Protein backbone atom coordinates (compact mmCIF):
# COMPACT_ATOMS: atom_id res chain seq x y z
CA MET A 1 11.24 39.04 -26.88
CA LYS A 2 10.68 35.26 -27.03
CA SER A 3 14.37 34.60 -27.43
CA MET A 4 15.19 37.14 -24.71
CA ILE A 5 12.94 35.26 -22.24
CA LYS A 6 14.41 31.89 -23.14
CA THR A 7 17.92 33.22 -22.83
CA ALA A 8 17.22 34.90 -19.39
CA LEU A 9 15.67 31.64 -18.00
CA LEU A 10 18.06 29.18 -19.44
CA PRO A 11 20.58 29.24 -16.45
CA ILE A 12 17.95 28.81 -13.89
CA LEU A 13 16.22 25.98 -15.77
CA ILE A 14 19.51 24.12 -16.02
CA LEU A 15 20.10 24.74 -12.32
CA VAL A 16 16.74 23.36 -11.21
CA ALA A 17 17.08 20.35 -13.50
CA ALA A 18 20.42 19.50 -12.01
CA CYS A 19 19.65 20.15 -8.31
CA GLY A 20 16.02 19.28 -7.97
CA GLY A 21 14.14 20.93 -5.14
CA SER A 22 15.37 22.62 -1.99
CA PRO A 23 13.96 23.24 1.52
CA ASP A 24 12.75 26.66 0.37
CA THR A 25 10.96 25.34 -2.86
CA THR A 26 7.40 24.07 -3.09
CA THR A 27 7.36 21.19 -5.52
CA GLY A 28 3.60 20.33 -5.53
CA GLY A 29 0.12 21.61 -4.62
CA GLY A 30 0.69 25.12 -5.86
CA ILE A 31 2.71 27.96 -4.50
CA ASN A 32 1.28 30.97 -2.61
CA VAL A 33 2.60 34.41 -3.41
CA VAL A 34 1.53 37.99 -2.70
CA ALA A 35 1.48 40.97 -5.11
CA THR A 36 1.01 44.57 -4.11
CA THR A 37 -0.98 46.07 -6.91
CA ASN A 38 -3.57 44.29 -9.10
CA ILE A 39 -1.47 45.13 -12.05
CA VAL A 40 1.43 43.16 -10.80
CA ALA A 41 -0.96 40.38 -9.53
CA ASP A 42 -2.35 40.02 -13.10
CA LEU A 43 1.10 39.62 -14.54
CA VAL A 44 2.04 36.92 -11.98
CA ARG A 45 -1.30 35.14 -12.45
CA THR A 46 -0.81 35.14 -16.21
CA VAL A 47 2.68 33.57 -16.07
CA GLY A 48 1.97 31.41 -12.95
CA GLY A 49 -1.24 29.78 -14.21
CA PRO A 50 -2.88 27.03 -12.17
CA GLU A 51 0.39 26.28 -10.39
CA VAL A 52 0.36 29.67 -8.48
CA THR A 53 -2.08 31.25 -6.06
CA VAL A 54 -1.69 34.98 -6.08
CA GLU A 55 -3.18 37.34 -3.52
CA ALA A 56 -3.24 41.09 -4.44
CA LEU A 57 -3.09 43.56 -1.45
CA MET A 58 -4.61 46.35 -3.44
CA GLY A 59 -7.80 46.13 -5.31
CA PRO A 60 -9.40 48.22 -8.08
CA GLY A 61 -9.15 51.99 -7.50
CA ILE A 62 -6.50 51.90 -4.86
CA ASP A 63 -3.72 54.35 -5.06
CA PRO A 64 -0.32 52.60 -4.42
CA HIS A 65 1.47 55.89 -3.80
CA LEU A 66 -0.47 56.45 -0.67
CA TYR A 67 -1.27 52.81 0.43
CA LYS A 68 -0.15 51.74 3.88
CA ALA A 69 0.24 48.07 4.69
CA SER A 70 -2.21 46.84 7.37
CA ALA A 71 -1.46 44.25 10.03
CA GLY A 72 -3.16 41.63 7.92
CA ASP A 73 -1.06 42.63 4.88
CA VAL A 74 2.09 42.15 6.88
CA ARG A 75 0.88 38.66 7.96
CA ARG A 76 0.09 37.73 4.40
CA MET A 77 3.47 38.88 3.20
CA SER A 78 5.31 37.07 6.02
CA SER A 79 3.74 33.79 5.15
CA ALA A 80 4.03 34.08 1.39
CA GLU A 81 6.72 32.17 -0.49
CA ALA A 82 7.44 35.36 -2.59
CA ILE A 83 6.30 38.96 -2.85
CA PHE A 84 6.06 40.60 -6.22
CA TYR A 85 5.80 44.41 -6.28
CA SER A 86 6.06 47.14 -8.84
CA GLY A 87 9.11 49.01 -7.42
CA ILE A 88 10.81 52.14 -8.55
CA HIS A 89 9.26 53.74 -5.43
CA LEU A 90 5.59 53.23 -6.61
CA GLU A 91 4.64 51.73 -3.31
CA GLY A 92 6.27 54.62 -1.47
CA LYS A 93 4.67 54.14 1.93
CA MET A 94 5.36 50.37 1.80
CA SER A 95 9.04 50.65 1.13
CA GLU A 96 10.14 49.93 4.67
CA VAL A 97 7.77 46.97 5.10
CA LEU A 98 8.98 45.43 1.79
CA GLU A 99 12.58 45.96 2.95
CA LYS A 100 11.89 44.15 6.27
CA MET A 101 10.27 41.26 4.49
CA GLY A 102 13.47 40.85 2.48
CA GLU A 103 15.52 40.85 5.60
CA ARG A 104 13.34 38.14 7.08
CA GLY A 105 14.18 35.89 4.11
CA VAL A 106 10.93 36.30 2.10
CA ARG A 107 11.87 36.55 -1.58
CA THR A 108 10.92 39.68 -3.24
CA VAL A 109 10.82 40.84 -6.86
CA ALA A 110 10.33 44.51 -8.08
CA VAL A 111 9.10 43.61 -11.46
CA GLY A 112 9.25 47.27 -12.78
CA GLU A 113 13.01 47.19 -12.01
CA CYS A 114 13.48 44.35 -14.53
CA VAL A 115 13.40 47.10 -17.08
CA PRO A 116 16.91 48.36 -17.81
CA GLU A 117 17.61 51.64 -16.10
CA GLU A 118 18.59 53.44 -19.39
CA ASN A 119 14.99 52.88 -20.51
CA LEU A 120 13.42 54.62 -17.42
CA ILE A 121 12.35 58.16 -17.47
CA SER A 122 13.99 60.41 -14.87
CA SER A 123 11.65 62.13 -12.43
CA ALA A 124 11.85 65.90 -12.33
CA GLU A 125 9.86 65.84 -9.21
CA PHE A 126 12.27 63.54 -7.24
CA SER A 127 15.96 64.15 -8.07
CA GLY A 128 17.88 60.93 -8.76
CA LEU A 129 14.72 58.80 -9.02
CA HIS A 130 12.62 57.52 -11.97
CA ASP A 131 9.06 57.53 -13.06
CA PRO A 132 7.58 54.21 -11.84
CA HIS A 133 4.68 53.90 -14.28
CA VAL A 134 6.54 51.70 -16.70
CA TRP A 135 3.49 49.52 -17.63
CA PHE A 136 2.10 52.37 -19.71
CA ASP A 137 4.65 51.40 -22.40
CA VAL A 138 3.57 47.94 -23.24
CA GLY A 139 6.89 47.08 -24.80
CA LEU A 140 8.70 47.93 -21.59
CA TRP A 141 6.25 46.04 -19.40
CA SER A 142 6.76 42.94 -21.43
CA GLN A 143 10.35 42.98 -20.19
CA SER A 144 9.14 42.18 -16.69
CA VAL A 145 7.51 38.88 -17.93
CA GLY A 146 10.87 36.99 -17.88
CA CYS A 147 11.63 38.13 -14.30
CA VAL A 148 8.39 36.75 -13.02
CA ALA A 149 8.93 33.41 -14.80
CA GLU A 150 12.51 33.17 -13.48
CA MET A 151 11.35 33.68 -9.81
CA LEU A 152 8.46 31.18 -10.15
CA ALA A 153 10.81 28.68 -11.73
CA ALA A 154 13.13 29.01 -8.81
CA LEU A 155 10.30 28.53 -6.38
CA ASP A 156 8.76 25.67 -8.24
CA PRO A 157 11.29 23.92 -10.48
CA ASP A 158 8.96 21.09 -11.32
CA HIS A 159 6.89 23.45 -13.39
CA ALA A 160 9.71 25.64 -14.80
CA GLY A 161 8.87 24.66 -18.38
CA GLU A 162 5.19 25.74 -17.96
CA TYR A 163 6.27 29.14 -16.56
CA LEU A 164 8.66 29.62 -19.46
CA GLN A 165 5.96 28.68 -22.09
CA ARG A 166 3.36 31.06 -20.52
CA ALA A 167 5.97 33.82 -20.33
CA THR A 168 6.78 33.34 -24.00
CA ASP A 169 3.14 33.24 -24.99
CA TYR A 170 2.35 36.35 -22.92
CA ALA A 171 5.26 38.29 -24.42
CA ASP A 172 3.92 37.52 -27.88
CA GLU A 173 0.52 38.81 -26.79
CA LEU A 174 1.97 42.10 -25.35
CA ASN A 175 4.01 42.54 -28.52
CA ALA A 176 0.76 42.28 -30.51
CA LEU A 177 -1.00 44.78 -28.14
CA ASP A 178 1.91 47.25 -28.53
CA ALA A 179 1.49 47.08 -32.36
CA TRP A 180 -2.28 47.61 -32.01
CA ILE A 181 -1.77 50.76 -29.94
CA GLN A 182 0.74 52.13 -32.50
CA GLU A 183 -1.98 51.65 -35.24
CA ARG A 184 -4.90 52.85 -33.13
CA VAL A 185 -3.46 56.22 -32.28
CA GLN A 186 -2.91 56.99 -35.93
CA VAL A 187 -6.52 58.08 -35.94
CA LEU A 188 -5.30 61.29 -34.26
CA ALA A 189 -3.07 63.81 -36.03
CA PRO A 190 0.17 64.50 -34.20
CA ASP A 191 -1.08 67.96 -33.01
CA GLN A 192 -4.18 66.26 -31.51
CA ARG A 193 -2.09 63.92 -29.29
CA ILE A 194 -2.15 65.99 -26.09
CA LEU A 195 -3.07 63.96 -23.11
CA VAL A 196 -3.98 65.87 -19.82
CA THR A 197 -4.65 63.73 -16.79
CA ALA A 198 -4.99 63.92 -12.98
CA HIS A 199 -1.47 63.00 -12.19
CA ASP A 200 1.70 62.56 -14.21
CA ALA A 201 1.40 58.83 -14.71
CA PHE A 202 1.39 58.65 -18.57
CA GLY A 203 4.91 59.74 -19.43
CA TYR A 204 5.88 56.23 -20.68
CA PHE A 205 2.69 56.20 -22.74
CA GLY A 206 3.42 59.58 -24.29
CA ARG A 207 7.01 58.59 -25.12
CA ALA A 208 6.06 55.25 -26.70
CA TYR A 209 3.04 56.42 -28.60
CA GLY A 210 3.69 60.00 -29.58
CA PHE A 211 1.70 62.02 -26.98
CA GLU A 212 2.58 65.21 -25.17
CA VAL A 213 1.47 64.42 -21.65
CA ARG A 214 0.61 66.88 -18.86
CA GLY A 215 -0.47 65.87 -15.35
CA LEU A 216 -1.96 68.19 -12.76
CA LEU A 217 -0.39 66.34 -9.92
CA GLY A 218 3.20 65.05 -10.01
CA VAL A 219 4.52 61.61 -10.65
CA SER A 220 3.37 60.64 -7.16
CA THR A 221 -0.15 61.49 -5.94
CA ALA A 222 1.37 62.31 -2.57
CA SER A 223 2.13 65.69 -4.02
CA GLU A 224 -0.54 68.46 -3.92
CA ALA A 225 -1.54 70.72 -6.78
CA GLY A 226 -1.58 74.38 -5.78
CA THR A 227 -3.63 77.16 -7.29
CA SER A 228 -0.72 78.16 -9.54
CA ASP A 229 -0.45 74.63 -10.87
CA VAL A 230 -4.07 74.70 -11.92
CA GLN A 231 -3.69 78.12 -13.51
CA VAL A 232 -0.62 77.21 -15.50
CA LEU A 233 -2.20 73.96 -16.83
CA ALA A 234 -5.42 75.86 -17.61
CA GLU A 235 -3.46 78.37 -19.63
CA PHE A 236 -1.79 75.45 -21.46
CA ILE A 237 -5.15 73.87 -22.32
CA VAL A 238 -6.56 77.22 -23.71
CA GLU A 239 -3.43 77.99 -25.61
CA HIS A 240 -3.39 74.60 -27.35
CA GLU A 241 -7.16 74.31 -27.60
CA VAL A 242 -7.07 70.94 -25.90
CA PRO A 243 -10.65 69.55 -26.34
CA ALA A 244 -10.77 66.90 -23.55
CA ILE A 245 -9.08 66.10 -20.25
CA PHE A 246 -9.29 62.90 -18.29
CA VAL A 247 -9.86 61.84 -14.78
CA GLU A 248 -8.35 58.72 -13.23
CA THR A 249 -9.90 55.80 -11.31
CA SER A 250 -7.37 55.94 -8.50
CA VAL A 251 -7.28 59.80 -8.03
CA PRO A 252 -10.25 61.86 -6.74
CA PRO A 253 -11.97 63.64 -9.70
CA ARG A 254 -12.08 66.99 -7.92
CA TYR A 255 -8.57 67.88 -9.19
CA VAL A 256 -9.62 67.59 -12.84
CA GLN A 257 -12.97 69.20 -12.19
CA ALA A 258 -11.18 72.18 -10.68
CA LEU A 259 -8.94 72.39 -13.75
CA GLN A 260 -12.02 72.24 -16.03
CA GLU A 261 -13.59 75.17 -14.14
CA ALA A 262 -10.38 77.16 -14.43
CA VAL A 263 -10.37 76.63 -18.19
CA ARG A 264 -13.99 77.60 -18.48
CA ALA A 265 -13.28 80.81 -16.49
CA ARG A 266 -11.01 81.71 -19.43
CA GLY A 267 -13.79 81.33 -21.93
CA PHE A 268 -12.81 78.00 -23.36
CA ALA A 269 -14.83 74.88 -23.01
CA VAL A 270 -12.97 71.68 -22.25
CA GLU A 271 -14.73 68.25 -21.74
CA ILE A 272 -13.85 65.47 -19.38
CA GLY A 273 -13.25 62.85 -21.99
CA GLY A 274 -13.56 59.95 -19.63
CA SER A 275 -11.94 57.99 -16.85
CA LEU A 276 -8.60 56.39 -17.28
CA TYR A 277 -7.05 53.41 -15.31
CA SER A 278 -3.76 54.61 -14.12
CA ASP A 279 -2.42 52.88 -10.93
CA SER A 280 -4.96 50.13 -10.92
CA LEU A 281 -6.83 47.75 -13.18
CA GLY A 282 -10.65 47.67 -13.38
CA ASN A 283 -13.13 45.67 -11.42
CA PRO A 284 -13.18 41.89 -11.60
CA GLY A 285 -15.59 40.59 -14.35
CA THR A 286 -15.16 43.65 -16.53
CA SER A 287 -13.13 44.08 -19.71
CA ALA A 288 -10.64 46.08 -17.83
CA ALA A 289 -10.00 43.39 -15.12
CA THR A 290 -6.73 42.38 -16.94
CA TYR A 291 -3.76 44.31 -17.99
CA PRO A 292 -4.36 43.98 -21.79
CA GLY A 293 -8.07 44.86 -21.19
CA THR A 294 -7.16 47.93 -19.27
CA VAL A 295 -4.73 49.13 -21.78
CA ARG A 296 -7.23 48.74 -24.60
CA GLU A 297 -9.90 50.54 -22.65
CA ASN A 298 -7.54 53.42 -21.86
CA VAL A 299 -6.55 53.72 -25.48
CA GLU A 300 -10.08 53.71 -26.77
CA THR A 301 -11.17 56.29 -24.21
CA ILE A 302 -8.31 58.63 -25.21
CA VAL A 303 -8.62 58.18 -28.95
CA THR A 304 -12.43 58.34 -28.99
CA ALA A 305 -12.60 61.50 -26.76
CA LEU A 306 -9.89 63.38 -28.59
CA ALA A 307 -11.09 62.36 -32.13
CA SER A 308 -14.72 63.08 -31.36
CA ALA A 309 -13.85 66.49 -30.00
CA ALA A 310 -11.85 67.27 -33.05
CA VAL A 311 -14.67 66.28 -35.38
CA ALA A 312 -17.12 68.47 -33.26
CA ASP A 313 -14.81 71.46 -33.75
C-alpha cells in the first residue's frame, strides 16, 4: 500500500514542484474543505493534518442516504476549496447539489470511487449500481487514502510532502487494523459468523471477514421493510438459530425491534447484541469518534455478542 500511494502521487508531486502555485491553489494559512459524512471528514483530517480545516456536513447518527443539503450547507460547499464525499450514490439526495458544485468549478472528490470498480459489490436492489459502504472493508477503504492526499497536494503544493507522509503512515495503520480484524473474528467459528442488522450496509465487511450478512432494509435506508421482509428474515434467524441481531446508530431501532418480536412469536429468543456504527462515526470525544475507533468498536460488539450467546447456549 505504501508503494501504491507513492506511485499514485508521484506525477502530481513532480507537477507542483515544477509549476509552483496557481490562482486556484492556497499556499499558506491552511486550506478549507467540506466533507459530507463524518467518516469522510475523518479521513481528510487524518491526511490533511494541521494544514487543512475540514467541516463535516453530517454529524454522528445522521443517515447520509436520506440527508438533504440545507441552504447553509450549499453556502459552505460553494465557498470551500474542495468537497470530499463518499460517492457511489451514498449521498443519494445530495447528488444534484454535488453535481452543481462541480459545474461551478468547486473541486470534488468521491473518495469511495477511488476503489477500483471490479472490487465493488453489485447492488441487487438497484440494477447497474454498487453497494456504497466500502469503508466496512478496511483494506478497500485504505485505497481512498491516496486520492485524498493527491487532491490536497494539488490544492496546497507547498505541503505535498506532508500529505504524502501522512497518507503513507495512515495506510500502514489501516493495514494493521485489517490484520487485527482478521485475527479477532477467529474467536467465532465459521457457522457463528451470521450478522443480522437494520439495513444491508455490511456486505463488504462480510466478504472481507467471512460473515454471512442479512439486513432488514436494503442497501439504502430509503427503502422500506414490509411485513413479508420481516417474516422472511425472522424465519432465517429461527432456522439458523442466530443468537443476536444488531441495531444501528443511524437507523431507527424500531425495525430491529419488530424483527425481534417476529422471531419471539416463533418461539425462539434472539437478543439485540448491541448498536453498530454503520453510516456514521460515534460522538466526538468517544473511542468511536475516529474511523479506526469505530471499526474496533463494531468488531468488538459483534464478536462479543455472538460469542457470548454461543457460550450461553
